Amino acid sequence: MPISANLTSALHSFAAIEDDIIAFGQTMDASKATAFVQRRREMAHAFAVLRNALEQEPWLIDQPDLMTEALRRLSAFRAANAINQAEWPAIRVRDDPAAFRIAAQSVTAPSRAFWRWTEDTLGHMR
C-alpha cells in the first residue's frame, strides 16, 4: 500500500528528530541543557505534525481500525516520552546525565513498537 508523500515526509522528519535527540542525549552534560530543551520542543512539535499526517492519510481514513491502531501506537510512544520528560526536567538531566540515559530507555519499547508497526503495516522503512 503506497502511503502519501505527506505521511512519508512526516515519518522521515520525525525519525530524524528522534535520532537527533537520542544522539544528543548520549552526550548530555551541564553545558548542553538549553540545547536539550530546544530538542525536546522540536520532538513535541514533531509528534503533533506526525499525528496530523496520520489523521489525514487517505489510506488510513479508509481503514478506521488501522487508523485507530496507528494513533494508539503513536500515543503510547508520546506518553512514554512525556513521562520521561516530566520525570527528567532539563536541570535534573544536567545534574545526572548517566541516570537520565538509563531512564530514557523507558521510551525505547514504545518507539520500537511504533516503528515496527509503520514498517509492517504502512511499508515504511525507518
N, C-alpha and C. Protein backbone atom coordinates (compact mmCIF):
# COMPACT_ATOMS: atom_id res chain seq x y z
N MET A 1 0.84 -1.18 0.00
CA MET A 1 0.00 0.00 0.00
C MET A 1 0.88 1.24 0.00
N PRO A 2 0.74 2.04 -0.99
CA PRO A 2 1.52 3.29 -1.01
C PRO A 2 0.90 4.32 -0.07
N ILE A 3 1.75 4.92 0.73
CA ILE A 3 1.26 6.00 1.59
C ILE A 3 1.60 7.32 0.92
N SER A 4 0.92 8.36 1.33
CA SER A 4 1.08 9.67 0.70
C SER A 4 2.46 10.26 0.96
N ALA A 5 2.82 11.19 0.10
CA ALA A 5 4.08 11.92 0.27
C ALA A 5 4.07 12.70 1.58
N ASN A 6 2.92 13.21 1.97
CA ASN A 6 2.80 13.96 3.22
C ASN A 6 3.15 13.09 4.42
N LEU A 7 2.59 11.89 4.47
CA LEU A 7 2.88 10.99 5.60
C LEU A 7 4.33 10.51 5.53
N THR A 8 4.80 10.20 4.35
CA THR A 8 6.20 9.78 4.21
C THR A 8 7.14 10.85 4.72
N SER A 9 6.88 12.09 4.34
CA SER A 9 7.71 13.21 4.78
C SER A 9 7.65 13.37 6.30
N ALA A 10 6.45 13.27 6.87
CA ALA A 10 6.29 13.42 8.32
C ALA A 10 7.03 12.31 9.06
N LEU A 11 6.97 11.09 8.55
CA LEU A 11 7.68 9.98 9.18
C LEU A 11 9.20 10.18 9.10
N HIS A 12 9.69 10.61 7.94
CA HIS A 12 11.13 10.87 7.80
C HIS A 12 11.58 11.99 8.74
N SER A 13 10.83 13.07 8.79
CA SER A 13 11.18 14.19 9.66
C SER A 13 11.17 13.78 11.12
N PHE A 14 10.14 13.04 11.51
CA PHE A 14 10.03 12.59 12.88
C PHE A 14 11.22 11.69 13.25
N ALA A 15 11.55 10.76 12.37
CA ALA A 15 12.67 9.85 12.63
C ALA A 15 13.97 10.63 12.79
N ALA A 16 14.18 11.64 11.97
CA ALA A 16 15.40 12.44 12.06
C ALA A 16 15.48 13.18 13.40
N ILE A 17 14.37 13.72 13.83
CA ILE A 17 14.33 14.44 15.11
C ILE A 17 14.54 13.47 16.27
N GLU A 18 13.90 12.31 16.18
CA GLU A 18 14.08 11.30 17.23
C GLU A 18 15.54 10.85 17.29
N ASP A 19 16.14 10.57 16.14
CA ASP A 19 17.55 10.16 16.11
C ASP A 19 18.45 11.24 16.69
N ASP A 20 18.15 12.49 16.37
CA ASP A 20 18.96 13.60 16.87
C ASP A 20 18.88 13.70 18.39
N ILE A 21 17.69 13.62 18.94
CA ILE A 21 17.56 13.77 20.40
C ILE A 21 18.19 12.58 21.13
N ILE A 22 18.10 11.40 20.54
CA ILE A 22 18.74 10.23 21.15
C ILE A 22 20.26 10.41 21.16
N ALA A 23 20.81 10.79 20.03
CA ALA A 23 22.26 11.00 19.95
C ALA A 23 22.71 12.12 20.88
N PHE A 24 21.94 13.20 20.91
CA PHE A 24 22.28 14.33 21.78
C PHE A 24 22.25 13.90 23.24
N GLY A 25 21.23 13.13 23.61
CA GLY A 25 21.10 12.66 24.99
C GLY A 25 22.25 11.78 25.43
N GLN A 26 22.86 11.08 24.49
CA GLN A 26 24.01 10.22 24.82
C GLN A 26 25.24 11.03 25.21
N THR A 27 25.28 12.27 24.80
CA THR A 27 26.44 13.12 25.12
C THR A 27 26.06 14.28 26.03
N MET A 28 24.92 14.16 26.68
CA MET A 28 24.39 15.23 27.52
C MET A 28 25.33 15.55 28.67
N ASP A 29 25.53 16.84 28.88
CA ASP A 29 26.24 17.32 30.07
C ASP A 29 25.66 18.69 30.43
N ALA A 30 26.12 19.26 31.51
CA ALA A 30 25.56 20.50 32.04
C ALA A 30 25.57 21.64 31.03
N SER A 31 26.55 21.69 30.17
CA SER A 31 26.67 22.80 29.21
C SER A 31 25.63 22.72 28.09
N LYS A 32 24.95 21.59 27.96
CA LYS A 32 24.04 21.38 26.84
C LYS A 32 22.56 21.44 27.23
N ALA A 33 22.25 21.86 28.45
CA ALA A 33 20.87 21.83 28.93
C ALA A 33 19.94 22.67 28.07
N THR A 34 20.33 23.85 27.69
CA THR A 34 19.47 24.72 26.89
C THR A 34 19.20 24.12 25.52
N ALA A 35 20.24 23.59 24.90
CA ALA A 35 20.07 22.94 23.59
C ALA A 35 19.19 21.70 23.71
N PHE A 36 19.28 21.00 24.83
CA PHE A 36 18.45 19.83 25.04
C PHE A 36 16.98 20.21 25.15
N VAL A 37 16.69 21.29 25.86
CA VAL A 37 15.32 21.77 25.98
C VAL A 37 14.76 22.09 24.58
N GLN A 38 15.55 22.71 23.73
CA GLN A 38 15.12 23.02 22.37
C GLN A 38 14.80 21.75 21.59
N ARG A 39 15.62 20.75 21.74
CA ARG A 39 15.37 19.48 21.05
C ARG A 39 14.09 18.83 21.56
N ARG A 40 13.84 18.94 22.84
CA ARG A 40 12.60 18.40 23.38
C ARG A 40 11.39 19.13 22.78
N ARG A 41 11.50 20.42 22.61
CA ARG A 41 10.40 21.18 21.98
C ARG A 41 10.19 20.72 20.55
N GLU A 42 11.28 20.51 19.83
CA GLU A 42 11.19 20.02 18.45
C GLU A 42 10.51 18.66 18.41
N MET A 43 10.83 17.81 19.35
CA MET A 43 10.23 16.47 19.41
C MET A 43 8.74 16.58 19.69
N ALA A 44 8.34 17.43 20.61
CA ALA A 44 6.92 17.60 20.91
C ALA A 44 6.17 18.09 19.67
N HIS A 45 6.76 19.02 18.96
CA HIS A 45 6.14 19.52 17.73
C HIS A 45 6.07 18.41 16.68
N ALA A 46 7.11 17.62 16.58
CA ALA A 46 7.14 16.53 15.60
C ALA A 46 6.06 15.49 15.88
N PHE A 47 5.79 15.21 17.16
CA PHE A 47 4.69 14.30 17.49
C PHE A 47 3.37 14.85 16.94
N ALA A 48 3.14 16.15 17.11
CA ALA A 48 1.89 16.76 16.64
C ALA A 48 1.80 16.72 15.11
N VAL A 49 2.89 17.03 14.44
CA VAL A 49 2.90 17.01 12.98
C VAL A 49 2.64 15.59 12.46
N LEU A 50 3.27 14.61 13.09
CA LEU A 50 3.07 13.23 12.66
C LEU A 50 1.65 12.77 12.93
N ARG A 51 1.10 13.13 14.05
CA ARG A 51 -0.29 12.76 14.33
C ARG A 51 -1.22 13.35 13.28
N ASN A 52 -1.02 14.60 12.93
CA ASN A 52 -1.85 15.23 11.89
C ASN A 52 -1.70 14.51 10.56
N ALA A 53 -0.48 14.13 10.20
CA ALA A 53 -0.26 13.42 8.94
C ALA A 53 -0.96 12.07 8.94
N LEU A 54 -0.90 11.37 10.07
CA LEU A 54 -1.61 10.09 10.17
C LEU A 54 -3.12 10.30 10.03
N GLU A 55 -3.64 11.30 10.72
CA GLU A 55 -5.09 11.56 10.67
C GLU A 55 -5.57 11.97 9.28
N GLN A 56 -4.68 12.50 8.46
CA GLN A 56 -5.04 12.95 7.12
C GLN A 56 -4.70 11.93 6.04
N GLU A 57 -4.10 10.83 6.42
CA GLU A 57 -3.67 9.82 5.45
C GLU A 57 -4.88 9.11 4.83
N PRO A 58 -5.10 9.28 3.53
CA PRO A 58 -6.28 8.67 2.88
C PRO A 58 -6.39 7.16 3.11
N TRP A 59 -5.28 6.46 3.01
CA TRP A 59 -5.31 5.00 3.17
C TRP A 59 -5.79 4.62 4.56
N LEU A 60 -5.40 5.38 5.59
CA LEU A 60 -5.84 5.10 6.95
C LEU A 60 -7.27 5.57 7.19
N ILE A 61 -7.65 6.65 6.57
CA ILE A 61 -9.03 7.13 6.70
C ILE A 61 -10.00 6.07 6.20
N ASP A 62 -9.61 5.38 5.14
CA ASP A 62 -10.45 4.33 4.56
C ASP A 62 -10.46 3.05 5.39
N GLN A 63 -9.57 2.97 6.37
CA GLN A 63 -9.47 1.77 7.22
C GLN A 63 -9.41 2.21 8.68
N PRO A 64 -10.56 2.51 9.25
CA PRO A 64 -10.60 3.07 10.62
C PRO A 64 -9.90 2.23 11.67
N ASP A 65 -9.92 0.92 11.54
CA ASP A 65 -9.23 0.08 12.53
C ASP A 65 -7.72 0.32 12.50
N LEU A 66 -7.18 0.48 11.30
CA LEU A 66 -5.75 0.76 11.18
C LEU A 66 -5.43 2.17 11.66
N MET A 67 -6.32 3.11 11.40
CA MET A 67 -6.13 4.47 11.89
C MET A 67 -6.07 4.46 13.42
N THR A 68 -6.99 3.75 14.03
CA THR A 68 -7.02 3.65 15.49
C THR A 68 -5.72 3.05 16.01
N GLU A 69 -5.25 2.01 15.34
CA GLU A 69 -4.01 1.36 15.77
C GLU A 69 -2.81 2.29 15.61
N ALA A 70 -2.76 3.01 14.50
CA ALA A 70 -1.66 3.96 14.27
C ALA A 70 -1.63 5.01 15.37
N LEU A 71 -2.78 5.59 15.65
CA LEU A 71 -2.86 6.65 16.66
C LEU A 71 -2.60 6.10 18.06
N ARG A 72 -3.04 4.87 18.32
CA ARG A 72 -2.78 4.24 19.62
C ARG A 72 -1.29 4.04 19.84
N ARG A 73 -0.61 3.55 18.83
CA ARG A 73 0.83 3.30 18.96
C ARG A 73 1.61 4.61 19.09
N LEU A 74 1.22 5.62 18.30
CA LEU A 74 1.89 6.91 18.42
C LEU A 74 1.62 7.53 19.79
N SER A 75 0.40 7.40 20.28
CA SER A 75 0.05 7.95 21.60
C SER A 75 0.83 7.26 22.71
N ALA A 76 1.02 5.95 22.61
CA ALA A 76 1.81 5.23 23.62
C ALA A 76 3.25 5.73 23.62
N PHE A 77 3.79 5.93 22.44
CA PHE A 77 5.15 6.45 22.29
C PHE A 77 5.23 7.86 22.88
N ARG A 78 4.27 8.70 22.52
CA ARG A 78 4.26 10.08 23.01
C ARG A 78 4.11 10.13 24.53
N ALA A 79 3.24 9.28 25.08
CA ALA A 79 3.03 9.25 26.53
C ALA A 79 4.31 8.85 27.26
N ALA A 80 4.99 7.83 26.76
CA ALA A 80 6.25 7.40 27.39
C ALA A 80 7.28 8.52 27.34
N ASN A 81 7.33 9.21 26.22
CA ASN A 81 8.24 10.34 26.07
C ASN A 81 7.88 11.47 27.04
N ALA A 82 6.59 11.77 27.16
CA ALA A 82 6.13 12.84 28.05
C ALA A 82 6.42 12.51 29.51
N ILE A 83 6.23 11.26 29.89
CA ILE A 83 6.52 10.85 31.27
C ILE A 83 8.00 11.00 31.54
N ASN A 84 8.82 10.57 30.59
CA ASN A 84 10.27 10.71 30.76
C ASN A 84 10.66 12.17 30.92
N GLN A 85 10.06 13.04 30.11
CA GLN A 85 10.37 14.47 30.21
C GLN A 85 9.91 15.05 31.54
N ALA A 86 8.75 14.62 32.02
CA ALA A 86 8.25 15.12 33.29
C ALA A 86 9.13 14.67 34.46
N GLU A 87 9.59 13.43 34.39
CA GLU A 87 10.43 12.91 35.46
C GLU A 87 11.86 13.43 35.37
N TRP A 88 12.25 13.87 34.18
CA TRP A 88 13.62 14.32 33.97
C TRP A 88 13.64 15.71 33.35
N PRO A 89 13.28 16.75 34.12
CA PRO A 89 13.41 18.11 33.60
C PRO A 89 14.88 18.39 33.27
N ALA A 90 15.11 19.37 32.43
CA ALA A 90 16.47 19.64 31.93
C ALA A 90 17.48 19.81 33.06
N ILE A 91 17.09 20.45 34.15
CA ILE A 91 18.04 20.66 35.24
C ILE A 91 18.47 19.33 35.86
N ARG A 92 17.53 18.41 35.94
CA ARG A 92 17.87 17.10 36.51
C ARG A 92 18.74 16.32 35.54
N VAL A 93 18.44 16.42 34.26
CA VAL A 93 19.27 15.76 33.24
C VAL A 93 20.69 16.31 33.33
N ARG A 94 20.76 17.63 33.44
CA ARG A 94 22.07 18.29 33.52
C ARG A 94 22.88 17.79 34.72
N ASP A 95 22.19 17.57 35.84
CA ASP A 95 22.88 17.18 37.07
C ASP A 95 23.24 15.70 37.13
N ASP A 96 22.54 14.86 36.36
CA ASP A 96 22.82 13.42 36.42
C ASP A 96 22.57 12.79 35.05
N PRO A 97 23.41 13.12 34.07
CA PRO A 97 23.18 12.62 32.71
C PRO A 97 23.25 11.09 32.60
N ALA A 98 24.04 10.45 33.41
CA ALA A 98 24.13 8.98 33.34
C ALA A 98 22.79 8.34 33.74
N ALA A 99 22.19 8.83 34.81
CA ALA A 99 20.90 8.29 35.24
C ALA A 99 19.81 8.62 34.22
N PHE A 100 19.91 9.79 33.60
CA PHE A 100 18.95 10.14 32.56
C PHE A 100 19.02 9.15 31.40
N ARG A 101 20.22 8.81 30.97
CA ARG A 101 20.36 7.89 29.84
C ARG A 101 19.71 6.54 30.16
N ILE A 102 19.83 6.11 31.40
CA ILE A 102 19.19 4.86 31.82
C ILE A 102 17.67 5.03 31.81
N ALA A 103 17.19 6.13 32.37
CA ALA A 103 15.74 6.37 32.43
C ALA A 103 15.13 6.54 31.05
N ALA A 104 15.87 7.11 30.12
CA ALA A 104 15.35 7.35 28.77
C ALA A 104 15.07 6.04 28.04
N GLN A 105 15.63 4.97 28.50
CA GLN A 105 15.37 3.66 27.88
C GLN A 105 13.91 3.24 27.99
N SER A 106 13.17 3.88 28.90
CA SER A 106 11.74 3.56 29.04
C SER A 106 10.95 3.95 27.80
N VAL A 107 11.51 4.79 26.97
CA VAL A 107 10.84 5.23 25.75
C VAL A 107 11.16 4.29 24.58
N THR A 108 12.16 3.46 24.74
CA THR A 108 12.63 2.61 23.66
C THR A 108 11.56 1.64 23.16
N ALA A 109 10.91 0.91 24.06
CA ALA A 109 9.92 -0.10 23.64
C ALA A 109 8.75 0.52 22.88
N PRO A 110 8.13 1.61 23.37
CA PRO A 110 7.04 2.19 22.59
C PRO A 110 7.51 2.75 21.24
N SER A 111 8.72 3.27 21.21
CA SER A 111 9.27 3.76 19.94
C SER A 111 9.42 2.61 18.95
N ARG A 112 10.04 1.54 19.41
CA ARG A 112 10.23 0.38 18.52
C ARG A 112 8.90 -0.20 18.07
N ALA A 113 7.91 -0.26 18.95
CA ALA A 113 6.59 -0.79 18.59
C ALA A 113 5.95 0.07 17.50
N PHE A 114 6.07 1.39 17.64
CA PHE A 114 5.51 2.28 16.62
C PHE A 114 6.21 2.08 15.28
N TRP A 115 7.53 2.08 15.29
CA TRP A 115 8.27 1.95 14.03
C TRP A 115 8.10 0.58 13.41
N ARG A 116 7.99 -0.45 14.21
CA ARG A 116 7.74 -1.80 13.67
C ARG A 116 6.37 -1.82 12.99
N TRP A 117 5.38 -1.17 13.61
CA TRP A 117 4.04 -1.11 13.02
C TRP A 117 4.07 -0.35 11.70
N THR A 118 4.79 0.76 11.64
CA THR A 118 4.84 1.52 10.37
C THR A 118 5.48 0.69 9.27
N GLU A 119 6.46 -0.11 9.63
CA GLU A 119 7.10 -0.96 8.62
C GLU A 119 6.16 -2.08 8.18
N ASP A 120 5.58 -2.78 9.16
CA ASP A 120 4.72 -3.92 8.86
C ASP A 120 3.42 -3.52 8.17
N THR A 121 2.83 -2.42 8.60
CA THR A 121 1.50 -2.05 8.12
C THR A 121 1.54 -1.03 6.99
N LEU A 122 2.42 -0.04 7.10
CA LEU A 122 2.46 1.01 6.09
C LEU A 122 3.54 0.76 5.04
N GLY A 123 4.41 -0.20 5.31
CA GLY A 123 5.51 -0.44 4.38
C GLY A 123 6.56 0.65 4.40
N HIS A 124 6.59 1.39 5.50
CA HIS A 124 7.56 2.49 5.62
C HIS A 124 8.76 2.00 6.42
N MET A 125 9.90 1.99 5.76
CA MET A 125 11.14 1.61 6.43
C MET A 125 11.76 2.85 7.06
N ARG A 126 12.09 2.75 8.30
CA ARG A 126 12.69 3.86 9.02
C ARG A 126 14.07 4.14 8.53
